C-alpha atoms as a PDB file:
ATOM      1  CA  UNK A   1     143.328 168.147 158.655  1.00  0.00           C
ATOM      2  CA  UNK A   2     146.020 165.571 159.206  1.00  0.00           C
ATOM      3  CA  UNK A   3     149.531 166.324 160.326  1.00  0.00           C
ATOM      4  CA  UNK A   4     152.363 166.376 157.813  1.00  0.00           C
ATOM      5  CA  UNK A   5     156.017 165.491 158.219  1.00  0.00           C
ATOM      6  CA  UNK A   6     157.945 168.766 158.415  1.00  0.00           C
ATOM      7  CA  UNK A   7     159.880 168.435 155.178  1.00  0.00           C
ATOM      8  CA  UNK A   8     160.250 170.308 151.902  1.00  0.00           C
ATOM      9  CA  UNK A   9     157.092 168.701 150.488  1.00  0.00           C
ATOM     10  CA  UNK A  10     154.835 169.591 153.427  1.00  0.00           C
ATOM     11  CA  UNK A  11     153.562 172.879 151.973  1.00  0.00           C
ATOM     12  CA  UNK A  12     152.560 171.300 148.668  1.00  0.00           C
ATOM     13  CA  UNK A  13     150.789 168.383 150.351  1.00  0.00           C
ATOM     14  CA  UNK A  14     149.032 170.638 152.872  1.00  0.00           C
ATOM     15  CA  UNK A  15     147.886 173.136 150.230  1.00  0.00           C
ATOM     16  CA  UNK A  16     146.402 170.361 148.109  1.00  0.00           C
ATOM     17  CA  UNK A  17     144.498 168.790 150.985  1.00  0.00           C
ATOM     18  CA  UNK A  18     143.355 172.178 152.307  1.00  0.00           C
ATOM     19  CA  UNK A  19     142.043 173.140 148.861  1.00  0.00           C
ATOM     20  CA  UNK A  20     140.045 169.891 148.672  1.00  0.00           C
ATOM     21  CA  UNK A  21     138.567 170.518 152.127  1.00  0.00           C
ATOM     22  CA  UNK A  22     137.567 174.117 151.384  1.00  0.00           C
ATOM     23  CA  UNK A  23     136.110 173.148 147.980  1.00  0.00           C
ATOM     24  CA  UNK A  24     133.356 171.303 149.883  1.00  0.00           C
ATOM     25  CA  UNK A  25     132.386 174.473 151.741  1.00  0.00           C
ATOM     26  CA  UNK A  26     130.153 177.202 150.374  1.00  0.00           C
ATOM     27  CA  UNK A  27     132.901 179.774 149.695  1.00  0.00           C
ATOM     28  CA  UNK A  28     132.409 180.530 145.996  1.00  0.00           C
ATOM     29  CA  UNK A  29     134.206 183.877 146.157  1.00  0.00           C
ATOM     30  CA  UNK A  30     137.299 182.657 148.010  1.00  0.00           C
ATOM     31  CA  UNK A  31     140.362 183.670 146.007  1.00  0.00           C
ATOM     32  CA  UNK A  32     141.996 180.291 145.341  1.00  0.00           C
ATOM     33  CA  UNK A  33     145.391 181.805 144.516  1.00  0.00           C
ATOM     34  CA  UNK A  34     145.518 183.756 147.787  1.00  0.00           C
ATOM     35  CA  UNK A  35     144.292 180.738 149.754  1.00  0.00           C
ATOM     36  CA  UNK A  36     146.914 178.385 148.314  1.00  0.00           C
ATOM     37  CA  UNK A  37     149.690 180.973 148.695  1.00  0.00           C
ATOM     38  CA  UNK A  38     148.659 181.544 152.336  1.00  0.00           C
ATOM     39  CA  UNK A  39     148.699 177.825 153.167  1.00  0.00           C
ATOM     40  CA  UNK A  40     152.047 177.408 151.404  1.00  0.00           C
ATOM     41  CA  UNK A  41     153.629 180.376 153.171  1.00  0.00           C
ATOM     42  CA  UNK A  42     152.401 179.448 156.643  1.00  0.00           C
ATOM     43  CA  UNK A  43     153.451 175.800 156.293  1.00  0.00           C
ATOM     44  CA  UNK A  44     156.877 176.834 155.001  1.00  0.00           C
ATOM     45  CA  UNK A  45     157.279 179.104 158.061  1.00  0.00           C
ATOM     46  CA  UNK A  46     156.285 176.254 160.385  1.00  0.00           C
ATOM     47  CA  UNK A  47     158.734 173.836 158.757  1.00  0.00           C
ATOM     48  CA  UNK A  48     161.556 176.386 158.893  1.00  0.00           C
ATOM     49  CA  UNK A  49     160.929 176.990 162.616  1.00  0.00           C
ATOM     50  CA  UNK A  50     161.614 173.337 163.409  1.00  0.00           C
ATOM     51  CA  UNK A  51     159.788 170.338 164.728  1.00  0.00           C
ATOM     52  CA  UNK A  52     158.967 166.969 163.235  1.00  0.00           C
ATOM     53  CA  UNK A  53     155.431 167.657 162.007  1.00  0.00           C
ATOM     54  CA  UNK A  54     153.045 170.445 161.111  1.00  0.00           C
ATOM     55  CA  UNK A  55     149.277 170.525 161.023  1.00  0.00           C
ATOM     56  CA  UNK A  56     146.861 172.776 159.174  1.00  0.00           C
ATOM     57  CA  UNK A  57     143.553 173.761 160.732  1.00  0.00           C
ATOM     58  CA  UNK A  58     140.757 175.436 158.774  1.00  0.00           C
ATOM     59  CA  UNK A  59     137.543 177.178 159.736  1.00  0.00           C
ATOM     60  CA  UNK A  60     134.987 179.299 157.916  1.00  0.00           C
ATOM     61  CA  UNK A  61     132.373 181.793 158.984  1.00  0.00           C
ATOM     62  CA  UNK A  62     130.739 184.874 157.485  1.00  0.00           C
ATOM     63  CA  UNK A  63     132.475 184.618 154.074  1.00  0.00           C
ATOM     64  CA  UNK A  64     135.890 184.317 155.714  1.00  0.00           C
ATOM     65  CA  UNK A  65     138.309 181.409 155.988  1.00  0.00           C
ATOM     66  CA  UNK A  66     140.787 180.992 158.833  1.00  0.00           C
ATOM     67  CA  UNK A  67     143.999 179.074 158.164  1.00  0.00           C
ATOM     68  CA  UNK A  68     146.129 178.131 161.188  1.00  0.00           C
ATOM     69  CA  UNK A  69     149.346 176.135 160.963  1.00  0.00           C
ATOM     70  CA  UNK A  70     151.059 174.619 164.007  1.00  0.00           C
ATOM     71  CA  UNK A  71     154.521 173.087 164.183  1.00  0.00           C
ATOM     72  CA  UNK A  72     153.980 171.280 167.522  1.00  0.00           C
ATOM     73  CA  UNK A  73     157.491 172.126 168.710  1.00  0.00           C
ATOM     74  CA  UNK A  74     157.266 172.096 172.503  1.00  0.00           C
ATOM     75  CA  UNK A  75     160.995 172.064 173.291  1.00  0.00           C
ATOM     76  CA  UNK A  76     162.935 175.314 173.450  1.00  0.00           C
ATOM     77  CA  UNK A  77     160.022 177.588 172.646  1.00  0.00           C
ATOM     78  CA  UNK A  78     161.650 180.513 170.930  1.00  0.00           C
ATOM     79  CA  UNK A  79     159.473 183.153 169.316  1.00  0.00           C
ATOM     80  CA  UNK A  80     157.496 181.853 166.342  1.00  0.00           C
ATOM     81  CA  UNK A  81     158.795 184.624 164.121  1.00  0.00           C
ATOM     82  CA  UNK A  82     156.669 186.825 161.907  1.00  0.00           C
ATOM     83  CA  UNK A  83     154.044 185.771 159.428  1.00  0.00           C
ATOM     84  CA  UNK A  84     155.795 185.493 156.061  1.00  0.00           C
ATOM     85  CA  UNK A  85     155.658 188.751 154.129  1.00  0.00           C
ATOM     86  CA  UNK A  86     154.251 187.056 151.033  1.00  0.00           C
ATOM     87  CA  UNK A  87     151.218 186.013 153.098  1.00  0.00           C
ATOM     88  CA  UNK A  88     150.664 189.320 154.888  1.00  0.00           C
ATOM     89  CA  UNK A  89     150.446 191.268 151.603  1.00  0.00           C
ATOM     90  CA  UNK A  90     147.915 189.048 149.834  1.00  0.00           C
ATOM     91  CA  UNK A  91     144.911 191.020 148.579  1.00  0.00           C
ATOM     92  CA  UNK A  92     142.291 189.012 150.489  1.00  0.00           C
ATOM     93  CA  UNK A  93     144.165 188.716 153.809  1.00  0.00           C
ATOM     94  CA  UNK A  94     142.152 190.579 156.408  1.00  0.00           C
ATOM     95  CA  UNK A  95     144.372 189.767 159.383  1.00  0.00           C
ATOM     96  CA  UNK A  96     147.289 187.521 160.260  1.00  0.00           C
ATOM     97  CA  UNK A  97     149.557 186.771 163.171  1.00  0.00           C
ATOM     98  CA  UNK A  98     151.529 184.217 165.123  1.00  0.00           C
ATOM     99  CA  UNK A  99     151.821 182.979 168.672  1.00  0.00           C
ATOM    100  CA  UNK A 100     153.897 180.647 170.795  1.00  0.00           C
ATOM    101  CA  UNK A 101     152.546 178.563 173.672  1.00  0.00           C
ATOM    102  CA  UNK A 102     152.794 175.080 175.218  1.00  0.00           C
ATOM    103  CA  UNK A 103     151.512 173.504 171.966  1.00  0.00           C
ATOM    104  CA  UNK A 104     154.322 175.031 169.929  1.00  0.00           C
ATOM    105  CA  UNK A 105     154.254 177.782 167.347  1.00  0.00           C
ATOM    106  CA  UNK A 106     151.180 178.798 165.381  1.00  0.00           C
ATOM    107  CA  UNK A 107     150.839 181.048 162.347  1.00  0.00           C
ATOM    108  CA  UNK A 108     147.395 182.129 161.192  1.00  0.00           C
ATOM    109  CA  UNK A 109     145.660 184.219 158.587  1.00  0.00           C
ATOM    110  CA  UNK A 110     142.072 185.239 157.987  1.00  0.00           C
ATOM    111  CA  UNK A 111     141.053 185.532 154.334  1.00  0.00           C
ATOM    112  CA  UNK A 112     137.866 187.301 153.213  1.00  0.00           C
ATOM    113  CA  UNK A 113     136.043 186.412 150.026  1.00  0.00           C
ATOM    114  CA  UNK A 114     137.731 187.503 146.815  1.00  0.00           C
ATOM    115  CA  UNK A 115     135.133 190.197 146.124  1.00  0.00           C
ATOM    116  CA  UNK A 116     136.059 191.892 149.395  1.00  0.00           C
ATOM    117  CA  UNK A 117     132.611 191.263 150.814  1.00  0.00           C
ATOM    118  CA  UNK A 118     131.824 190.289 154.354  1.00  0.00           C
ATOM    119  CA  UNK A 119     128.314 190.133 155.775  1.00  0.00           C
ATOM    120  CA  UNK A 120     127.488 192.875 158.307  1.00  0.00           C
END
């Protein structure tokens, strides 16, 4: 995924592009509402934490989709802050978290398919 300028439109742009990317994958049971809300919430958190750009990274495996958002803020690395509450409580969120390192802040969430199924 490309990087986005960290502004008030970043979440909308990122969610749209992320949805197009995931639509090409074989994730028919992914809850689109939860996915879009997760991308929106994580990008908003990254923008609020500072920096000039944010990037969204996606991965899928075993009927799960990982969304990671980085704000690439290397100066003055304060704590990334918590994952937004509206993301953590989504029905299909299996896990979520955040970290801070030399690349900046990262917020992530792992979403399972909307039916709650995961292969053994």
